[in-house]
């Protein structure tokens, strides 16, 4: 599995209302990060603060300036919703979403690739209880 190259496919695909935030995240944004909270409407995320219309793209996804292939960054990375922190969850999900981290060797041994992904993501996902 390759390192993330910041292609933005996952953020572009899911940044149009396909994500959710926990009630606790929304509450923390309201209290401490009003610049994020202003994009919340009825406990759903990524609505235009001026019109109340669902945005077609996450307002915090930014294109990194530079040459060559576009790279994307998240301007709220440390405060991003739990859905974002947990992605990707499976090799099948990555294949479906055309994730550029996937390599041919990953598809030849999906169980091993899933194990690598789980290890890579262990700090981003909730701990499994015994």
C-alpha atoms as a PDB file:
ATOM      1  CA  UNK A   1       0.000   0.000   0.000  1.00  0.00           C
ATOM      2  CA  UNK A   2       1.337   3.396  -0.936  1.00  0.00           C
ATOM      3  CA  UNK A   3       1.298   6.445   1.283  1.00  0.00           C
ATOM      4  CA  UNK A   4      -1.585   8.835   0.765  1.00  0.00           C
ATOM      5  CA  UNK A   5      -0.731  11.197  -2.097  1.00  0.00           C
ATOM      6  CA  UNK A   6      -3.468  13.689  -1.169  1.00  0.00           C
ATOM      7  CA  UNK A   7      -5.413  13.113  -4.380  1.00  0.00           C
ATOM      8  CA  UNK A   8      -8.573  14.308  -2.614  1.00  0.00           C
ATOM      9  CA  UNK A   9     -10.852  11.637  -4.104  1.00  0.00           C
ATOM     10  CA  UNK A  10     -12.241  10.582  -0.734  1.00  0.00           C
ATOM     11  CA  UNK A  11     -12.889  14.143   0.406  1.00  0.00           C
ATOM     12  CA  UNK A  12     -14.458  15.120  -2.890  1.00  0.00           C
ATOM     13  CA  UNK A  13     -16.658  12.024  -2.966  1.00  0.00           C
ATOM     14  CA  UNK A  14     -17.931  12.277   0.607  1.00  0.00           C
ATOM     15  CA  UNK A  15     -17.759  16.004   1.236  1.00  0.00           C
ATOM     16  CA  UNK A  16     -21.229  16.722  -0.150  1.00  0.00           C
ATOM     17  CA  UNK A  17     -23.325  15.730   2.829  1.00  0.00           C
ATOM     18  CA  UNK A  18     -22.410  12.045   2.796  1.00  0.00           C
ATOM     19  CA  UNK A  19     -20.556  12.628   6.056  1.00  0.00           C
ATOM     20  CA  UNK A  20     -21.858  13.093   9.524  1.00  0.00           C
ATOM     21  CA  UNK A  21     -20.447  14.513  12.711  1.00  0.00           C
ATOM     22  CA  UNK A  22     -21.171  13.339  16.207  1.00  0.00           C
ATOM     23  CA  UNK A  23     -23.252  15.463  18.550  1.00  0.00           C
ATOM     24  CA  UNK A  24     -20.133  15.917  20.679  1.00  0.00           C
ATOM     25  CA  UNK A  25     -18.109  17.193  17.699  1.00  0.00           C
ATOM     26  CA  UNK A  26     -20.831  19.650  16.779  1.00  0.00           C
ATOM     27  CA  UNK A  27     -21.087  20.846  20.378  1.00  0.00           C
ATOM     28  CA  UNK A  28     -17.323  21.378  20.572  1.00  0.00           C
ATOM     29  CA  UNK A  29     -17.329  23.265  17.275  1.00  0.00           C
ATOM     30  CA  UNK A  30     -20.146  25.475  18.555  1.00  0.00           C
ATOM     31  CA  UNK A  31     -18.250  26.266  21.740  1.00  0.00           C
ATOM     32  CA  UNK A  32     -14.686  26.493  20.504  1.00  0.00           C
ATOM     33  CA  UNK A  33     -14.602  26.633  16.703  1.00  0.00           C
ATOM     34  CA  UNK A  34     -17.407  28.801  15.374  1.00  0.00           C
ATOM     35  CA  UNK A  35     -15.684  28.959  11.969  1.00  0.00           C
ATOM     36  CA  UNK A  36     -16.547  25.247  11.595  1.00  0.00           C
ATOM     37  CA  UNK A  37     -19.886  25.366  13.399  1.00  0.00           C
ATOM     38  CA  UNK A  38     -21.276  27.972  11.010  1.00  0.00           C
ATOM     39  CA  UNK A  39     -21.462  25.195   8.371  1.00  0.00           C
ATOM     40  CA  UNK A  40     -23.770  23.086  10.588  1.00  0.00           C
ATOM     41  CA  UNK A  41     -27.543  23.117  10.128  1.00  0.00           C
ATOM     42  CA  UNK A  42     -29.944  20.985  12.170  1.00  0.00           C
ATOM     43  CA  UNK A  43     -27.013  18.846  13.357  1.00  0.00           C
ATOM     44  CA  UNK A  44     -25.994  18.055   9.774  1.00  0.00           C
ATOM     45  CA  UNK A  45     -22.754  19.288   8.274  1.00  0.00           C
ATOM     46  CA  UNK A  46     -21.584  21.355   5.360  1.00  0.00           C
ATOM     47  CA  UNK A  47     -24.356  23.816   4.686  1.00  0.00           C
ATOM     48  CA  UNK A  48     -23.761  27.284   3.270  1.00  0.00           C
ATOM     49  CA  UNK A  49     -24.012  29.718   6.197  1.00  0.00           C
ATOM     50  CA  UNK A  50     -25.605  32.381   3.970  1.00  0.00           C
ATOM     51  CA  UNK A  51     -28.224  30.314   2.128  1.00  0.00           C
ATOM     52  CA  UNK A  52     -28.639  27.202   4.264  1.00  0.00           C
ATOM     53  CA  UNK A  53     -28.185  25.067   1.137  1.00  0.00           C
ATOM     54  CA  UNK A  54     -26.209  21.818   1.334  1.00  0.00           C
ATOM     55  CA  UNK A  55     -22.753  22.352  -0.135  1.00  0.00           C
ATOM     56  CA  UNK A  56     -21.559  20.073  -2.908  1.00  0.00           C
ATOM     57  CA  UNK A  57     -18.071  19.990  -1.415  1.00  0.00           C
ATOM     58  CA  UNK A  58     -16.523  20.252   2.015  1.00  0.00           C
ATOM     59  CA  UNK A  59     -15.763  23.915   2.703  1.00  0.00           C
ATOM     60  CA  UNK A  60     -12.490  22.955   4.369  1.00  0.00           C
ATOM     61  CA  UNK A  61     -10.978  21.021   1.474  1.00  0.00           C
ATOM     62  CA  UNK A  62      -8.250  23.127  -0.054  1.00  0.00           C
ATOM     63  CA  UNK A  63      -6.014  22.709  -3.074  1.00  0.00           C
ATOM     64  CA  UNK A  64      -2.384  22.990  -2.121  1.00  0.00           C
ATOM     65  CA  UNK A  65      -0.578  25.476  -4.333  1.00  0.00           C
ATOM     66  CA  UNK A  66       2.175  24.009  -6.437  1.00  0.00           C
ATOM     67  CA  UNK A  67       3.055  22.494  -9.742  1.00  0.00           C
ATOM     68  CA  UNK A  68       1.951  19.271 -11.312  1.00  0.00           C
ATOM     69  CA  UNK A  69      -0.788  17.070  -9.948  1.00  0.00           C
ATOM     70  CA  UNK A  70      -3.186  18.772  -7.550  1.00  0.00           C
ATOM     71  CA  UNK A  71      -2.783  17.940  -3.878  1.00  0.00           C
ATOM     72  CA  UNK A  72      -5.530  18.527  -1.382  1.00  0.00           C
ATOM     73  CA  UNK A  73      -5.331  19.464   2.267  1.00  0.00           C
ATOM     74  CA  UNK A  74      -7.880  19.784   5.034  1.00  0.00           C
ATOM     75  CA  UNK A  75      -7.866  23.112   6.812  1.00  0.00           C
ATOM     76  CA  UNK A  76      -9.576  21.553   9.872  1.00  0.00           C
ATOM     77  CA  UNK A  77      -7.561  18.334   9.883  1.00  0.00           C
ATOM     78  CA  UNK A  78      -7.146  18.161  13.661  1.00  0.00           C
ATOM     79  CA  UNK A  79     -10.853  18.936  14.189  1.00  0.00           C
ATOM     80  CA  UNK A  80     -12.255  16.996  11.222  1.00  0.00           C
ATOM     81  CA  UNK A  81     -15.353  14.846  11.747  1.00  0.00           C
ATOM     82  CA  UNK A  82     -15.027  11.309  13.019  1.00  0.00           C
ATOM     83  CA  UNK A  83     -16.169   9.981   9.622  1.00  0.00           C
ATOM     84  CA  UNK A  84     -13.086  11.574   8.073  1.00  0.00           C
ATOM     85  CA  UNK A  85     -10.742  10.297  10.778  1.00  0.00           C
ATOM     86  CA  UNK A  86     -11.901   6.714  10.316  1.00  0.00           C
ATOM     87  CA  UNK A  87     -11.632   6.644   6.519  1.00  0.00           C
ATOM     88  CA  UNK A  88     -10.647   4.348   4.871  1.00  0.00           C
ATOM     89  CA  UNK A  89     -12.064   1.387   6.735  1.00  0.00           C
ATOM     90  CA  UNK A  90     -11.618  -1.388   4.194  1.00  0.00           C
ATOM     91  CA  UNK A  91      -9.764  -2.364   1.058  1.00  0.00           C
ATOM     92  CA  UNK A  92     -13.121  -2.824  -0.688  1.00  0.00           C
ATOM     93  CA  UNK A  93     -14.044   0.752   0.197  1.00  0.00           C
ATOM     94  CA  UNK A  94     -10.731   1.997  -1.167  1.00  0.00           C
ATOM     95  CA  UNK A  95     -11.206   0.086  -4.417  1.00  0.00           C
ATOM     96  CA  UNK A  96     -14.750   1.406  -4.777  1.00  0.00           C
ATOM     97  CA  UNK A  97     -13.554   4.969  -4.195  1.00  0.00           C
ATOM     98  CA  UNK A  98     -10.562   4.579  -6.554  1.00  0.00           C
ATOM     99  CA  UNK A  99      -8.126   5.356  -3.752  1.00  0.00           C
ATOM    100  CA  UNK A 100      -4.645   5.892  -5.146  1.00  0.00           C
ATOM    101  CA  UNK A 101      -3.022   4.207  -2.138  1.00  0.00           C
ATOM    102  CA  UNK A 102      -4.029   0.773  -3.477  1.00  0.00           C
ATOM    103  CA  UNK A 103      -1.422  -1.234  -5.334  1.00  0.00           C
ATOM    104  CA  UNK A 104      -1.758  -4.408  -7.412  1.00  0.00           C
ATOM    105  CA  UNK A 105      -0.097  -6.419  -4.626  1.00  0.00           C
ATOM    106  CA  UNK A 106      -2.879  -5.286  -2.288  1.00  0.00           C
ATOM    107  CA  UNK A 107      -5.498  -6.743  -4.587  1.00  0.00           C
ATOM    108  CA  UNK A 108      -3.584 -10.008  -4.849  1.00  0.00           C
ATOM    109  CA  UNK A 109      -3.727 -10.505  -1.081  1.00  0.00           C
ATOM    110  CA  UNK A 110      -6.666  -8.530   0.269  1.00  0.00           C
ATOM    111  CA  UNK A 111      -6.466 -10.071   3.737  1.00  0.00           C
ATOM    112  CA  UNK A 112      -2.837  -8.937   4.134  1.00  0.00           C
ATOM    113  CA  UNK A 113      -3.659  -5.511   2.695  1.00  0.00           C
ATOM    114  CA  UNK A 114      -6.576  -5.140   5.125  1.00  0.00           C
ATOM    115  CA  UNK A 115      -4.260  -6.012   7.988  1.00  0.00           C
ATOM    116  CA  UNK A 116      -1.790  -3.337   6.792  1.00  0.00           C
ATOM    117  CA  UNK A 117      -4.618  -0.807   6.495  1.00  0.00           C
ATOM    118  CA  UNK A 118      -5.886  -1.611   9.989  1.00  0.00           C
ATOM    119  CA  UNK A 119      -2.396  -1.119  11.413  1.00  0.00           C
ATOM    120  CA  UNK A 120      -1.945   2.136   9.483  1.00  0.00           C
ATOM    121  CA  UNK A 121      -5.287   3.467  10.742  1.00  0.00           C
ATOM    122  CA  UNK A 122      -5.141   2.200  14.333  1.00  0.00           C
ATOM    123  CA  UNK A 123      -4.490   5.665  15.770  1.00  0.00           C
ATOM    124  CA  UNK A 124      -7.453   7.136  13.868  1.00  0.00           C
ATOM    125  CA  UNK A 125     -10.061   4.558  14.756  1.00  0.00           C
ATOM    126  CA  UNK A 126     -11.776   3.814  18.052  1.00  0.00           C
ATOM    127  CA  UNK A 127     -10.140   1.119  20.108  1.00  0.00           C
ATOM    128  CA  UNK A 128     -11.782  -2.287  19.879  1.00  0.00           C
ATOM    129  CA  UNK A 129     -13.005  -3.499  23.217  1.00  0.00           C
ATOM    130  CA  UNK A 130     -12.057  -7.041  24.260  1.00  0.00           C
END
